[in-house]
Amino acid sequence: IAAHATLCFDRYSRHWPPRAEPARLPKIRLCGTFDEYRAALAERGLRLANPACYFAAENLVLLGFDGAAAEADLQAGRERTAQLSASLDRLRAEQARRVRDDEDRFRREGTPAATRTDLKRRRLQAFQQAENDARQALRRADEANRAAFDRAAQRLLTTAAHELFHAYAANYVYPADRGELPRWLDEGMAQVVEHAAWSDAGPRLDPPPAELLRRVRAVRSLKPADDADAFDLRRLLEAPPDEFLLDGAAHAAGARTAAEHRYLAAWSLAQFLLGRGELKAGDALDRYVADRQAAPAERFERFAGRPLKTVEAEWHAWLERL
């Protein structure tokens, strides 16, 4: 995790170079089970479905990882591999026994040489096919084990990348004395870096992740009463921090929450503005972050340099083209 944090901070610095040195470095706590993670949240009075959190007051990235479930999956895979390996050993032993039995029978029965050769050939072919099948099954089991581990590790690292962006921005680019990133921008950029591929110049934006696009289209197709207006720009700009917290109870019940919709809207707006070059480091972004007095919509209009409705129309037109 520490090495991953270093990699992430290096990547983020390509887009938003560091401009401050924190008085204390961000801390990372990895919870080895979700029970441990939920207990850590409960200590802070929270019950969330977010798989990780950044607590600015503590300068702490808290990561939840279901290590017990991952270990159970890996153990099941190891047991399957052991069973297949044992089956292969038994197959080889059985082949050796049959060869000995055949030789004894040939001697007893005076089997002609040509018959012995043909029987041995067919027996060997059958063994080689069975051995090849067993080896392939063993290789597939090994590959499945590695894939299961890689998926678990990738989920953890992807989640960590999101929260590490919050920590990087708060410590190295926009510490408290420089202002505070608007919530939509903080969460939107965190999702961009979470899902983007990377080049030397920074996050690559095209094409956007297919799964996020599918979910965006699903939310935008809802009726207004069902929160289709999650993509209302003014609502997004004015959304308070708690609207980005995934309620643990609702998530457990399978409900799609307004917070999930808010995340999608924030990601798509950040992705859209990044593509236009409007979220690059510089004076315009600094003034936007530092402007704590103006209302969210007015503050954003100053930053964008055009009316809210114009930006919203451009954003929605971009969404339609995806």
C-alpha atoms as a PDB file:
ATOM      1  CA  ILE A   1       0.000   0.000   0.000  1.00  0.00           C
ATOM      2  CA  ALA A   2       2.835   2.402   0.812  1.00  0.00           C
ATOM      3  CA  ALA A   3       4.411   1.759  -2.592  1.00  0.00           C
ATOM      4  CA  HIS A   4       1.034   2.256  -4.260  1.00  0.00           C
ATOM      5  CA  ALA A   5       0.587   5.570  -2.444  1.00  0.00           C
ATOM      6  CA  THR A   6       3.964   6.745  -3.738  1.00  0.00           C
ATOM      7  CA  LEU A   7       2.977   5.737  -7.272  1.00  0.00           C
ATOM      8  CA  CYS A   8      -0.388   7.508  -7.001  1.00  0.00           C
ATOM      9  CA  PHE A   9       1.116  10.714  -5.630  1.00  0.00           C
ATOM     10  CA  ASP A  10       3.654  10.713  -8.456  1.00  0.00           C
ATOM     11  CA  ARG A  11       0.833  10.325 -10.980  1.00  0.00           C
ATOM     12  CA  TYR A  12      -1.304  13.050  -9.431  1.00  0.00           C
ATOM     13  CA  SER A  13       1.636  15.423  -9.390  1.00  0.00           C
ATOM     14  CA  ARG A  14       1.771  15.268 -13.215  1.00  0.00           C
ATOM     15  CA  HIS A  15      -1.604  16.969 -13.426  1.00  0.00           C
ATOM     16  CA  TRP A  16      -1.611  19.072 -10.267  1.00  0.00           C
ATOM     17  CA  PRO A  17       2.015  19.677  -9.202  1.00  0.00           C
ATOM     18  CA  PRO A  18       2.592  19.846  -5.427  1.00  0.00           C
ATOM     19  CA  ARG A  19       2.847  23.343  -4.005  1.00  0.00           C
ATOM     20  CA  ALA A  20       2.920  22.724  -0.265  1.00  0.00           C
ATOM     21  CA  GLU A  21       4.756  20.522   2.185  1.00  0.00           C
ATOM     22  CA  PRO A  22       2.432  19.078   4.818  1.00  0.00           C
ATOM     23  CA  ALA A  23       3.287  19.511   8.473  1.00  0.00           C
ATOM     24  CA  ARG A  24       2.542  15.787   8.889  1.00  0.00           C
ATOM     25  CA  LEU A  25       2.363  13.130   6.248  1.00  0.00           C
ATOM     26  CA  PRO A  26      -0.925  11.406   5.451  1.00  0.00           C
ATOM     27  CA  LYS A  27      -1.447   8.128   7.247  1.00  0.00           C
ATOM     28  CA  ILE A  28      -2.910   4.975   5.740  1.00  0.00           C
ATOM     29  CA  ARG A  29      -4.665   2.317   7.786  1.00  0.00           C
ATOM     30  CA  LEU A  30      -5.556  -0.937   6.071  1.00  0.00           C
ATOM     31  CA  CYS A  31      -8.304  -2.920   7.785  1.00  0.00           C
ATOM     32  CA  GLY A  32      -7.810  -6.604   7.053  1.00  0.00           C
ATOM     33  CA  THR A  33     -11.514  -7.409   7.378  1.00  0.00           C
ATOM     34  CA  PHE A  34     -14.680  -5.459   6.730  1.00  0.00           C
ATOM     35  CA  ASP A  35     -15.694  -6.038  10.342  1.00  0.00           C
ATOM     36  CA  GLU A  36     -12.563  -4.187  11.423  1.00  0.00           C
ATOM     37  CA  TYR A  37     -13.316  -1.442   8.901  1.00  0.00           C
ATOM     38  CA  ARG A  38     -16.930  -1.066  10.017  1.00  0.00           C
ATOM     39  CA  ALA A  39     -15.765  -0.912  13.633  1.00  0.00           C
ATOM     40  CA  ALA A  40     -13.343   1.893  12.741  1.00  0.00           C
ATOM     41  CA  LEU A  41     -16.201   3.784  11.069  1.00  0.00           C
ATOM     42  CA  ALA A  42     -18.460   3.189  14.062  1.00  0.00           C
ATOM     43  CA  GLU A  43     -15.797   4.738  16.322  1.00  0.00           C
ATOM     44  CA  ARG A  44     -16.303   7.875  14.241  1.00  0.00           C
ATOM     45  CA  GLY A  45     -20.093   7.647  14.383  1.00  0.00           C
ATOM     46  CA  LEU A  46     -20.443   6.459  10.787  1.00  0.00           C
ATOM     47  CA  ARG A  47     -22.189   3.576   9.060  1.00  0.00           C
ATOM     48  CA  LEU A  48     -21.237   3.748   5.415  1.00  0.00           C
ATOM     49  CA  ALA A  49     -21.074   1.559   2.335  1.00  0.00           C
ATOM     50  CA  ASN A  50     -18.094   3.531   0.997  1.00  0.00           C
ATOM     51  CA  PRO A  51     -15.273   0.943   0.888  1.00  0.00           C
ATOM     52  CA  ALA A  52     -12.748   3.539   2.046  1.00  0.00           C
ATOM     53  CA  CYS A  53     -12.687   7.055   3.492  1.00  0.00           C
ATOM     54  CA  TYR A  54     -10.315   9.964   3.917  1.00  0.00           C
ATOM     55  CA  PHE A  55     -10.621  11.806   7.227  1.00  0.00           C
ATOM     56  CA  ALA A  56      -9.091  15.230   6.741  1.00  0.00           C
ATOM     57  CA  ALA A  57      -9.051  16.099  10.444  1.00  0.00           C
ATOM     58  CA  GLU A  58      -6.928  13.017  11.149  1.00  0.00           C
ATOM     59  CA  ASN A  59      -5.137  13.139   7.791  1.00  0.00           C
ATOM     60  CA  LEU A  60      -5.993   9.452   7.570  1.00  0.00           C
ATOM     61  CA  VAL A  61      -6.911   7.201   4.657  1.00  0.00           C
ATOM     62  CA  LEU A  62      -8.958   4.323   6.032  1.00  0.00           C
ATOM     63  CA  LEU A  63      -9.182   1.331   3.720  1.00  0.00           C
ATOM     64  CA  GLY A  64     -11.556  -1.597   4.025  1.00  0.00           C
ATOM     65  CA  PHE A  65     -10.425  -4.919   2.590  1.00  0.00           C
ATOM     66  CA  ASP A  66     -12.264  -8.192   2.989  1.00  0.00           C
ATOM     67  CA  GLY A  67      -9.124 -10.161   3.601  1.00  0.00           C
ATOM     68  CA  ALA A  68     -11.005 -13.059   5.169  1.00  0.00           C
ATOM     69  CA  ALA A  69     -13.158 -13.555   2.063  1.00  0.00           C
ATOM     70  CA  ALA A  70     -10.174 -13.163  -0.243  1.00  0.00           C
ATOM     71  CA  GLU A  71      -8.220 -15.687   1.800  1.00  0.00           C
ATOM     72  CA  ALA A  72     -11.164 -18.102   1.739  1.00  0.00           C
ATOM     73  CA  ASP A  73     -11.310 -17.866  -2.057  1.00  0.00           C
ATOM     74  CA  LEU A  74      -7.574 -18.396  -2.337  1.00  0.00           C
ATOM     75  CA  GLN A  75      -7.661 -21.307   0.106  1.00  0.00           C
ATOM     76  CA  ALA A  76     -10.415 -22.982  -1.913  1.00  0.00           C
ATOM     77  CA  GLY A  77      -8.261 -22.530  -4.999  1.00  0.00           C
ATOM     78  CA  ARG A  78      -5.211 -23.963  -3.262  1.00  0.00           C
ATOM     79  CA  GLU A  79      -7.226 -26.987  -2.144  1.00  0.00           C
ATOM     80  CA  ARG A  80      -8.466 -27.539  -5.694  1.00  0.00           C
ATOM     81  CA  THR A  81      -4.886 -27.307  -6.974  1.00  0.00           C
ATOM     82  CA  ALA A  82      -3.718 -29.814  -4.357  1.00  0.00           C
ATOM     83  CA  GLN A  83      -6.498 -32.230  -5.331  1.00  0.00           C
ATOM     84  CA  LEU A  84      -5.583 -32.013  -9.018  1.00  0.00           C
ATOM     85  CA  SER A  85      -1.898 -32.452  -8.253  1.00  0.00           C
ATOM     86  CA  ALA A  86      -2.665 -35.550  -6.200  1.00  0.00           C
ATOM     87  CA  SER A  87      -4.835 -36.908  -9.025  1.00  0.00           C
ATOM     88  CA  LEU A  88      -1.936 -36.439 -11.430  1.00  0.00           C
ATOM     89  CA  ASP A  89       0.386 -38.321  -9.079  1.00  0.00           C
ATOM     90  CA  ARG A  90      -2.124 -41.172  -8.817  1.00  0.00           C
ATOM     91  CA  LEU A  91      -2.472 -41.264 -12.589  1.00  0.00           C
ATOM     92  CA  ARG A  92       1.286 -41.649 -13.003  1.00  0.00           C
ATOM     93  CA  ALA A  93       1.446 -44.356 -10.356  1.00  0.00           C
ATOM     94  CA  GLU A  94      -1.437 -46.214 -12.003  1.00  0.00           C
ATOM     95  CA  GLN A  95       0.313 -46.009 -15.382  1.00  0.00           C
ATOM     96  CA  ALA A  96       3.521 -47.482 -13.900  1.00  0.00           C
ATOM     97  CA  ARG A  97       1.527 -50.297 -12.268  1.00  0.00           C
ATOM     98  CA  ARG A  98      -0.258 -51.127 -15.528  1.00  0.00           C
ATOM     99  CA  VAL A  99       3.029 -51.268 -17.420  1.00  0.00           C
ATOM    100  CA  ARG A 100       4.392 -53.778 -14.886  1.00  0.00           C
ATOM    101  CA  ASP A 101       1.193 -55.842 -14.998  1.00  0.00           C
ATOM    102  CA  ASP A 102       1.258 -55.901 -18.785  1.00  0.00           C
ATOM    103  CA  GLU A 103       4.851 -57.112 -18.844  1.00  0.00           C
ATOM    104  CA  ASP A 104       4.033 -59.931 -16.401  1.00  0.00           C
ATOM    105  CA  ARG A 105       1.018 -60.982 -18.472  1.00  0.00           C
ATOM    106  CA  PHE A 106       2.950 -60.869 -21.722  1.00  0.00           C
ATOM    107  CA  ARG A 107       5.552 -63.248 -20.290  1.00  0.00           C
ATOM    108  CA  ARG A 108       2.928 -65.624 -18.891  1.00  0.00           C
ATOM    109  CA  GLU A 109       0.900 -65.725 -22.080  1.00  0.00           C
ATOM    110  CA  GLY A 110       3.742 -65.586 -24.570  1.00  0.00           C
ATOM    111  CA  THR A 111       2.200 -62.602 -26.326  1.00  0.00           C
ATOM    112  CA  PRO A 112       3.718 -61.933 -29.764  1.00  0.00           C
ATOM    113  CA  ALA A 113       6.072 -58.970 -30.009  1.00  0.00           C
ATOM    114  CA  ALA A 114       3.886 -57.085 -32.514  1.00  0.00           C
ATOM    115  CA  THR A 115       0.843 -57.392 -30.214  1.00  0.00           C
ATOM    116  CA  ARG A 116       2.897 -56.259 -27.224  1.00  0.00           C
ATOM    117  CA  THR A 117       4.160 -53.222 -29.129  1.00  0.00           C
ATOM    118  CA  ASP A 118       0.674 -52.239 -30.279  1.00  0.00           C
ATOM    119  CA  LEU A 119      -0.824 -52.609 -26.800  1.00  0.00           C
ATOM    120  CA  LYS A 120       1.981 -50.607 -25.233  1.00  0.00           C
ATOM    121  CA  ARG A 121       1.542 -47.877 -27.829  1.00  0.00           C
ATOM    122  CA  ARG A 122      -2.206 -47.598 -27.224  1.00  0.00           C
ATOM    123  CA  ARG A 123      -1.720 -47.702 -23.450  1.00  0.00           C
ATOM    124  CA  LEU A 124       0.899 -44.940 -23.667  1.00  0.00           C
ATOM    125  CA  GLN A 125      -1.314 -42.784 -25.873  1.00  0.00           C
ATOM    126  CA  ALA A 126      -4.201 -43.112 -23.430  1.00  0.00           C
ATOM    127  CA  PHE A 127      -1.927 -42.229 -20.530  1.00  0.00           C
ATOM    128  CA  GLN A 128      -0.419 -39.244 -22.315  1.00  0.00           C
ATOM    129  CA  GLN A 129      -3.903 -37.897 -23.119  1.00  0.00           C
ATOM    130  CA  ALA A 130      -5.040 -38.355 -19.527  1.00  0.00           C
ATOM    131  CA  GLU A 131      -1.846 -36.756 -18.234  1.00  0.00           C
ATOM    132  CA  ASN A 132      -2.253 -33.822 -20.634  1.00  0.00           C
ATOM    133  CA  ASP A 133      -5.858 -33.323 -19.492  1.00  0.00           C
ATOM    134  CA  ALA A 134      -4.756 -33.399 -15.846  1.00  0.00           C
ATOM    135  CA  ARG A 135      -1.940 -30.928 -16.498  1.00  0.00           C
ATOM    136  CA  GLN A 136      -4.316 -28.530 -18.259  1.00  0.00           C
ATOM    137  CA  ALA A 137      -6.799 -28.720 -15.378  1.00  0.00           C
ATOM    138  CA  LEU A 138      -3.974 -28.021 -12.940  1.00  0.00           C
ATOM    139  CA  ARG A 139      -2.767 -25.050 -15.028  1.00  0.00           C
ATOM    140  CA  ARG A 140      -6.301 -23.626 -15.195  1.00  0.00           C
ATOM    141  CA  ALA A 141      -6.622 -23.963 -11.422  1.00  0.00           C
ATOM    142  CA  ASP A 142      -3.301 -22.148 -10.910  1.00  0.00           C
ATOM    143  CA  GLU A 143      -4.397 -19.378 -13.280  1.00  0.00           C
ATOM    144  CA  ALA A 144      -7.731 -19.066 -11.478  1.00  0.00           C
ATOM    145  CA  ASN A 145      -5.880 -18.730  -8.162  1.00  0.00           C
ATOM    146  CA  ARG A 146      -3.659 -15.967  -9.520  1.00  0.00           C
ATOM    147  CA  ALA A 147      -6.625 -14.209 -11.105  1.00  0.00           C
ATOM    148  CA  ALA A 148      -8.582 -14.306  -7.831  1.00  0.00           C
ATOM    149  CA  PHE A 149      -5.657 -12.766  -5.976  1.00  0.00           C
ATOM    150  CA  ASP A 150      -5.123 -10.155  -8.696  1.00  0.00           C
ATOM    151  CA  ARG A 151      -8.809  -9.158  -8.623  1.00  0.00           C
ATOM    152  CA  ALA A 152      -8.788  -8.750  -4.851  1.00  0.00           C
ATOM    153  CA  ALA A 153      -5.563  -6.742  -4.963  1.00  0.00           C
ATOM    154  CA  GLN A 154      -6.809  -4.575  -7.842  1.00  0.00           C
ATOM    155  CA  ARG A 155     -10.054  -3.759  -6.026  1.00  0.00           C
ATOM    156  CA  LEU A 156      -8.045  -2.634  -3.032  1.00  0.00           C
ATOM    157  CA  LEU A 157      -5.594  -0.546  -5.076  1.00  0.00           C
ATOM    158  CA  THR A 158      -8.382   1.060  -7.120  1.00  0.00           C
ATOM    159  CA  THR A 159     -10.239   2.032  -3.970  1.00  0.00           C
ATOM    160  CA  ALA A 160      -7.029   3.320  -2.431  1.00  0.00           C
ATOM    161  CA  ALA A 161      -6.314   5.496  -5.483  1.00  0.00           C
ATOM    162  CA  HIS A 162      -9.591   7.374  -4.946  1.00  0.00           C
ATOM    163  CA  GLU A 163      -8.945   8.176  -1.292  1.00  0.00           C
ATOM    164  CA  LEU A 164      -5.279   8.898  -1.887  1.00  0.00           C
ATOM    165  CA  PHE A 165      -6.313  11.639  -4.306  1.00  0.00           C
ATOM    166  CA  HIS A 166      -8.250  13.337  -1.491  1.00  0.00           C
ATOM    167  CA  ALA A 167      -5.164  13.072   0.723  1.00  0.00           C
ATOM    168  CA  TYR A 168      -2.843  14.362  -2.007  1.00  0.00           C
ATOM    169  CA  ALA A 169      -5.006  17.368  -2.863  1.00  0.00           C
ATOM    170  CA  ALA A 170      -5.549  18.293   0.788  1.00  0.00           C
ATOM    171  CA  ASN A 171      -1.878  17.988   1.724  1.00  0.00           C
ATOM    172  CA  TYR A 172       0.130  19.002  -1.320  1.00  0.00           C
ATOM    173  CA  VAL A 173      -2.033  21.202  -3.546  1.00  0.00           C
ATOM    174  CA  TYR A 174      -4.884  22.804  -1.619  1.00  0.00           C
ATOM    175  CA  PRO A 175      -4.193  22.680   2.106  1.00  0.00           C
ATOM    176  CA  ALA A 176      -6.642  24.501   4.362  1.00  0.00           C
ATOM    177  CA  ASP A 177      -4.873  27.862   4.106  1.00  0.00           C
ATOM    178  CA  ARG A 178      -5.280  27.840   0.307  1.00  0.00           C
ATOM    179  CA  GLY A 179      -8.967  26.999   0.337  1.00  0.00           C
ATOM    180  CA  GLU A 180     -10.902  23.772  -0.010  1.00  0.00           C
ATOM    181  CA  LEU A 181     -11.857  21.913  -3.144  1.00  0.00           C
ATOM    182  CA  PRO A 182     -15.611  22.083  -3.797  1.00  0.00           C
ATOM    183  CA  ARG A 183     -17.062  18.711  -2.927  1.00  0.00           C
ATOM    184  CA  TRP A 184     -18.170  17.868  -6.455  1.00  0.00           C
ATOM    185  CA  LEU A 185     -14.674  18.577  -7.761  1.00  0.00           C
ATOM    186  CA  ASP A 186     -12.915  16.654  -5.018  1.00  0.00           C
ATOM    187  CA  GLU A 187     -15.105  13.591  -5.556  1.00  0.00           C
ATOM    188  CA  GLY A 188     -15.222  13.965  -9.332  1.00  0.00           C
ATOM    189  CA  MET A 189     -11.438  14.139  -9.685  1.00  0.00           C
ATOM    190  CA  ALA A 190     -11.002  11.262  -7.230  1.00  0.00           C
ATOM    191  CA  GLN A 191     -13.130   9.112  -9.520  1.00  0.00           C
ATOM    192  CA  VAL A 192     -11.291  10.272 -12.621  1.00  0.00           C
ATOM    193  CA  VAL A 193      -7.940   9.179 -11.180  1.00  0.00           C
ATOM    194  CA  GLU A 194      -9.521   6.011  -9.781  1.00  0.00           C
ATOM    195  CA  HIS A 195     -10.706   4.814 -13.195  1.00  0.00           C
ATOM    196  CA  ALA A 196      -8.361   6.446 -15.708  1.00  0.00           C
ATOM    197  CA  ALA A 197      -5.399   4.927 -17.475  1.00  0.00           C
ATOM    198  CA  TRP A 198      -2.222   6.985 -17.103  1.00  0.00           C
ATOM    199  CA  SER A 199       0.404   8.457 -19.374  1.00  0.00           C
ATOM    200  CA  ASP A 200       3.436  10.608 -18.616  1.00  0.00           C
ATOM    201  CA  ALA A 201       1.239  13.686 -19.093  1.00  0.00           C
ATOM    202  CA  GLY A 202      -1.448  12.572 -16.628  1.00  0.00           C
ATOM    203  CA  PRO A 203      -4.775  10.715 -16.761  1.00  0.00           C
ATOM    204  CA  ARG A 204      -5.933   9.611 -20.204  1.00  0.00           C
ATOM    205  CA  LEU A 205      -9.571  10.563 -20.627  1.00  0.00           C
ATOM    206  CA  ASP A 206     -10.713   8.746 -23.771  1.00  0.00           C
ATOM    207  CA  PRO A 207     -12.619   6.578 -23.839  1.00  0.00           C
ATOM    208  CA  PRO A 208     -14.358   6.909 -20.474  1.00  0.00           C
ATOM    209  CA  PRO A 209     -14.856   3.635 -18.545  1.00  0.00           C
ATOM    210  CA  ALA A 210     -17.726   1.653 -20.095  1.00  0.00           C
ATOM    211  CA  GLU A 211     -19.239   0.664 -16.751  1.00  0.00           C
ATOM    212  CA  LEU A 212     -19.438   4.264 -15.561  1.00  0.00           C
ATOM    213  CA  LEU A 213     -21.039   5.297 -18.843  1.00  0.00           C
ATOM    214  CA  ARG A 214     -23.628   2.540 -18.506  1.00  0.00           C
ATOM    215  CA  ARG A 215     -24.522   3.702 -15.012  1.00  0.00           C
ATOM    216  CA  VAL A 216     -24.665   7.357 -16.080  1.00  0.00           C
ATOM    217  CA  ARG A 217     -27.097   6.498 -18.868  1.00  0.00           C
ATOM    218  CA  ALA A 218     -29.235   4.477 -16.469  1.00  0.00           C
ATOM    219  CA  VAL A 219     -29.539   7.379 -14.014  1.00  0.00           C
ATOM    220  CA  ARG A 220     -30.197   9.954 -16.719  1.00  0.00           C
ATOM    221  CA  SER A 221     -33.029   7.797 -18.049  1.00  0.00           C
ATOM    222  CA  LEU A 222     -34.883   7.922 -14.733  1.00  0.00           C
ATOM    223  CA  LYS A 223     -37.982  10.033 -14.177  1.00  0.00           C
ATOM    224  CA  PRO A 224     -37.317  13.303 -12.308  1.00  0.00           C
ATOM    225  CA  ALA A 225     -39.042  11.948  -9.230  1.00  0.00           C
ATOM    226  CA  ASP A 226     -36.519   9.099  -9.227  1.00  0.00           C
ATOM    227  CA  ASP A 227     -33.557  11.479  -9.124  1.00  0.00           C
ATOM    228  CA  ALA A 228     -32.844  11.856 -12.826  1.00  0.00           C
ATOM    229  CA  ASP A 229     -32.101  15.481 -11.959  1.00  0.00           C
ATOM    230  CA  ALA A 230     -28.965  14.292 -10.184  1.00  0.00           C
ATOM    231  CA  PHE A 231     -27.384  15.772 -13.311  1.00  0.00           C
ATOM    232  CA  ASP A 232     -28.816  19.197 -12.606  1.00  0.00           C
ATOM    233  CA  LEU A 233     -25.677  21.327 -12.454  1.00  0.00           C
ATOM    234  CA  ARG A 234     -26.861  23.701  -9.739  1.00  0.00           C
ATOM    235  CA  ARG A 235     -27.887  20.799  -7.507  1.00  0.00           C
ATOM    236  CA  LEU A 236     -24.515  19.161  -7.990  1.00  0.00           C
ATOM    237  CA  LEU A 237     -22.596  22.337  -7.188  1.00  0.00           C
ATOM    238  CA  GLU A 238     -24.663  22.915  -4.053  1.00  0.00           C
ATOM    239  CA  ALA A 239     -24.540  19.314  -2.810  1.00  0.00           C
ATOM    240  CA  PRO A 240     -23.150  19.195   0.755  1.00  0.00           C
ATOM    241  CA  PRO A 241     -20.519  16.604   1.767  1.00  0.00           C
ATOM    242  CA  ASP A 242     -23.019  14.204   3.338  1.00  0.00           C
ATOM    243  CA  GLU A 243     -24.728  13.713  -0.039  1.00  0.00           C
ATOM    244  CA  PHE A 244     -21.618  11.848  -1.147  1.00  0.00           C
ATOM    245  CA  LEU A 245     -21.767   9.335   1.702  1.00  0.00           C
ATOM    246  CA  LEU A 246     -23.205   5.941   0.778  1.00  0.00           C
ATOM    247  CA  ASP A 247     -25.645   4.856   3.451  1.00  0.00           C
ATOM    248  CA  GLY A 248     -24.646   1.415   4.705  1.00  0.00           C
ATOM    249  CA  ALA A 249     -28.171   0.200   5.459  1.00  0.00           C
ATOM    250  CA  ALA A 250     -29.577   1.238   2.081  1.00  0.00           C
ATOM    251  CA  HIS A 251     -26.626  -0.284   0.261  1.00  0.00           C
ATOM    252  CA  ALA A 252     -27.023  -3.571   2.132  1.00  0.00           C
ATOM    253  CA  ALA A 253     -30.676  -3.667   1.074  1.00  0.00           C
ATOM    254  CA  GLY A 254     -29.650  -3.240  -2.564  1.00  0.00           C
ATOM    255  CA  ALA A 255     -31.075   0.276  -2.913  1.00  0.00           C
ATOM    256  CA  ARG A 256     -29.430   2.655  -5.360  1.00  0.00           C
ATOM    257  CA  THR A 257     -28.917   5.786  -3.338  1.00  0.00           C
ATOM    258  CA  ALA A 258     -28.878   9.441  -4.269  1.00  0.00           C
ATOM    259  CA  ALA A 259     -25.215   9.502  -3.218  1.00  0.00           C
ATOM    260  CA  GLU A 260     -24.333   7.009  -5.952  1.00  0.00           C
ATOM    261  CA  HIS A 261     -26.074   9.250  -8.466  1.00  0.00           C
ATOM    262  CA  ARG A 262     -24.204  12.246  -7.112  1.00  0.00           C
ATOM    263  CA  TYR A 263     -20.882  10.456  -7.586  1.00  0.00           C
ATOM    264  CA  LEU A 264     -21.731   9.697 -11.210  1.00  0.00           C
ATOM    265  CA  ALA A 265     -22.656  13.298 -11.899  1.00  0.00           C
ATOM    266  CA  ALA A 266     -19.472  14.578 -10.231  1.00  0.00           C
ATOM    267  CA  TRP A 267     -17.302  12.157 -12.180  1.00  0.00           C
ATOM    268  CA  SER A 268     -18.879  13.041 -15.524  1.00  0.00           C
ATOM    269  CA  LEU A 269     -18.606  16.796 -14.937  1.00  0.00           C
ATOM    270  CA  ALA A 270     -14.947  16.491 -13.937  1.00  0.00           C
ATOM    271  CA  GLN A 271     -14.268  14.250 -16.933  1.00  0.00           C
ATOM    272  CA  PHE A 272     -15.990  16.742 -19.235  1.00  0.00           C
ATOM    273  CA  LEU A 273     -14.109  19.775 -17.914  1.00  0.00           C
ATOM    274  CA  LEU A 274     -10.779  17.946 -17.906  1.00  0.00           C
ATOM    275  CA  GLY A 275     -11.284  17.090 -21.547  1.00  0.00           C
ATOM    276  CA  ARG A 276     -11.730  20.807 -22.287  1.00  0.00           C
ATOM    277  CA  GLY A 277      -8.583  21.665 -20.343  1.00  0.00           C
ATOM    278  CA  GLU A 278     -10.520  23.632 -17.746  1.00  0.00           C
ATOM    279  CA  LEU A 279      -9.275  21.812 -14.656  1.00  0.00           C
ATOM    280  CA  LYS A 280      -5.562  22.272 -15.210  1.00  0.00           C
ATOM    281  CA  ALA A 281      -3.456  23.754 -12.454  1.00  0.00           C
ATOM    282  CA  GLY A 282      -3.304  27.529 -12.572  1.00  0.00           C
ATOM    283  CA  ASP A 283      -4.676  30.853 -11.373  1.00  0.00           C
ATOM    284  CA  ALA A 284      -8.260  30.206 -12.490  1.00  0.00           C
ATOM    285  CA  LEU A 285      -8.514  27.012 -10.475  1.00  0.00           C
ATOM    286  CA  ASP A 286      -6.735  28.635  -7.516  1.00  0.00           C
ATOM    287  CA  ARG A 287      -9.242  31.494  -7.458  1.00  0.00           C
ATOM    288  CA  TYR A 288     -12.153  29.038  -7.663  1.00  0.00           C
ATOM    289  CA  VAL A 289     -10.875  26.987  -4.743  1.00  0.00           C
ATOM    290  CA  ALA A 290     -10.047  30.048  -2.648  1.00  0.00           C
ATOM    291  CA  ASP A 291     -13.421  31.739  -3.251  1.00  0.00           C
ATOM    292  CA  ARG A 292     -15.308  30.766  -0.101  1.00  0.00           C
ATOM    293  CA  GLN A 293     -17.683  33.716   0.016  1.00  0.00           C
ATOM    294  CA  ALA A 294     -19.709  33.403  -3.179  1.00  0.00           C
ATOM    295  CA  ALA A 295     -22.643  31.009  -3.557  1.00  0.00           C
ATOM    296  CA  PRO A 296     -21.667  27.741  -5.307  1.00  0.00           C
ATOM    297  CA  ALA A 297     -23.333  28.627  -8.619  1.00  0.00           C
ATOM    298  CA  GLU A 298     -21.860  32.131  -8.749  1.00  0.00           C
ATOM    299  CA  ARG A 299     -18.457  30.807  -7.731  1.00  0.00           C
ATOM    300  CA  PHE A 300     -18.566  28.249 -10.543  1.00  0.00           C
ATOM    301  CA  GLU A 301     -19.677  30.799 -13.148  1.00  0.00           C
ATOM    302  CA  ARG A 302     -16.693  32.966 -12.289  1.00  0.00           C
ATOM    303  CA  PHE A 303     -14.426  29.978 -12.723  1.00  0.00           C
ATOM    304  CA  ALA A 304     -16.009  28.798 -15.992  1.00  0.00           C
ATOM    305  CA  GLY A 305     -16.294  32.291 -17.431  1.00  0.00           C
ATOM    306  CA  ARG A 306     -19.801  31.647 -18.774  1.00  0.00           C
ATOM    307  CA  PRO A 307     -23.337  31.225 -17.420  1.00  0.00           C
ATOM    308  CA  LEU A 308     -24.318  28.091 -15.539  1.00  0.00           C
ATOM    309  CA  LYS A 309     -26.946  27.181 -18.125  1.00  0.00           C
ATOM    310  CA  THR A 310     -24.348  27.349 -20.883  1.00  0.00           C
ATOM    311  CA  VAL A 311     -22.007  24.961 -19.070  1.00  0.00           C
ATOM    312  CA  GLU A 312     -24.895  22.650 -18.262  1.00  0.00           C
ATOM    313  CA  ALA A 313     -25.985  22.535 -21.888  1.00  0.00           C
ATOM    314  CA  GLU A 314     -22.420  21.795 -23.017  1.00  0.00           C
ATOM    315  CA  TRP A 315     -22.014  19.102 -20.378  1.00  0.00           C
ATOM    316  CA  HIS A 316     -25.293  17.386 -21.287  1.00  0.00           C
ATOM    317  CA  ALA A 317     -24.478  17.561 -24.992  1.00  0.00           C
ATOM    318  CA  TRP A 318     -21.157  15.849 -24.233  1.00  0.00           C
ATOM    319  CA  LEU A 319     -23.008  13.168 -22.263  1.00  0.00           C
ATOM    320  CA  GLU A 320     -25.341  12.578 -25.192  1.00  0.00           C
ATOM    321  CA  ARG A 321     -22.399  11.999 -27.519  1.00  0.00           C
ATOM    322  CA  LEU A 322     -20.811   9.355 -25.323  1.00  0.00           C
END
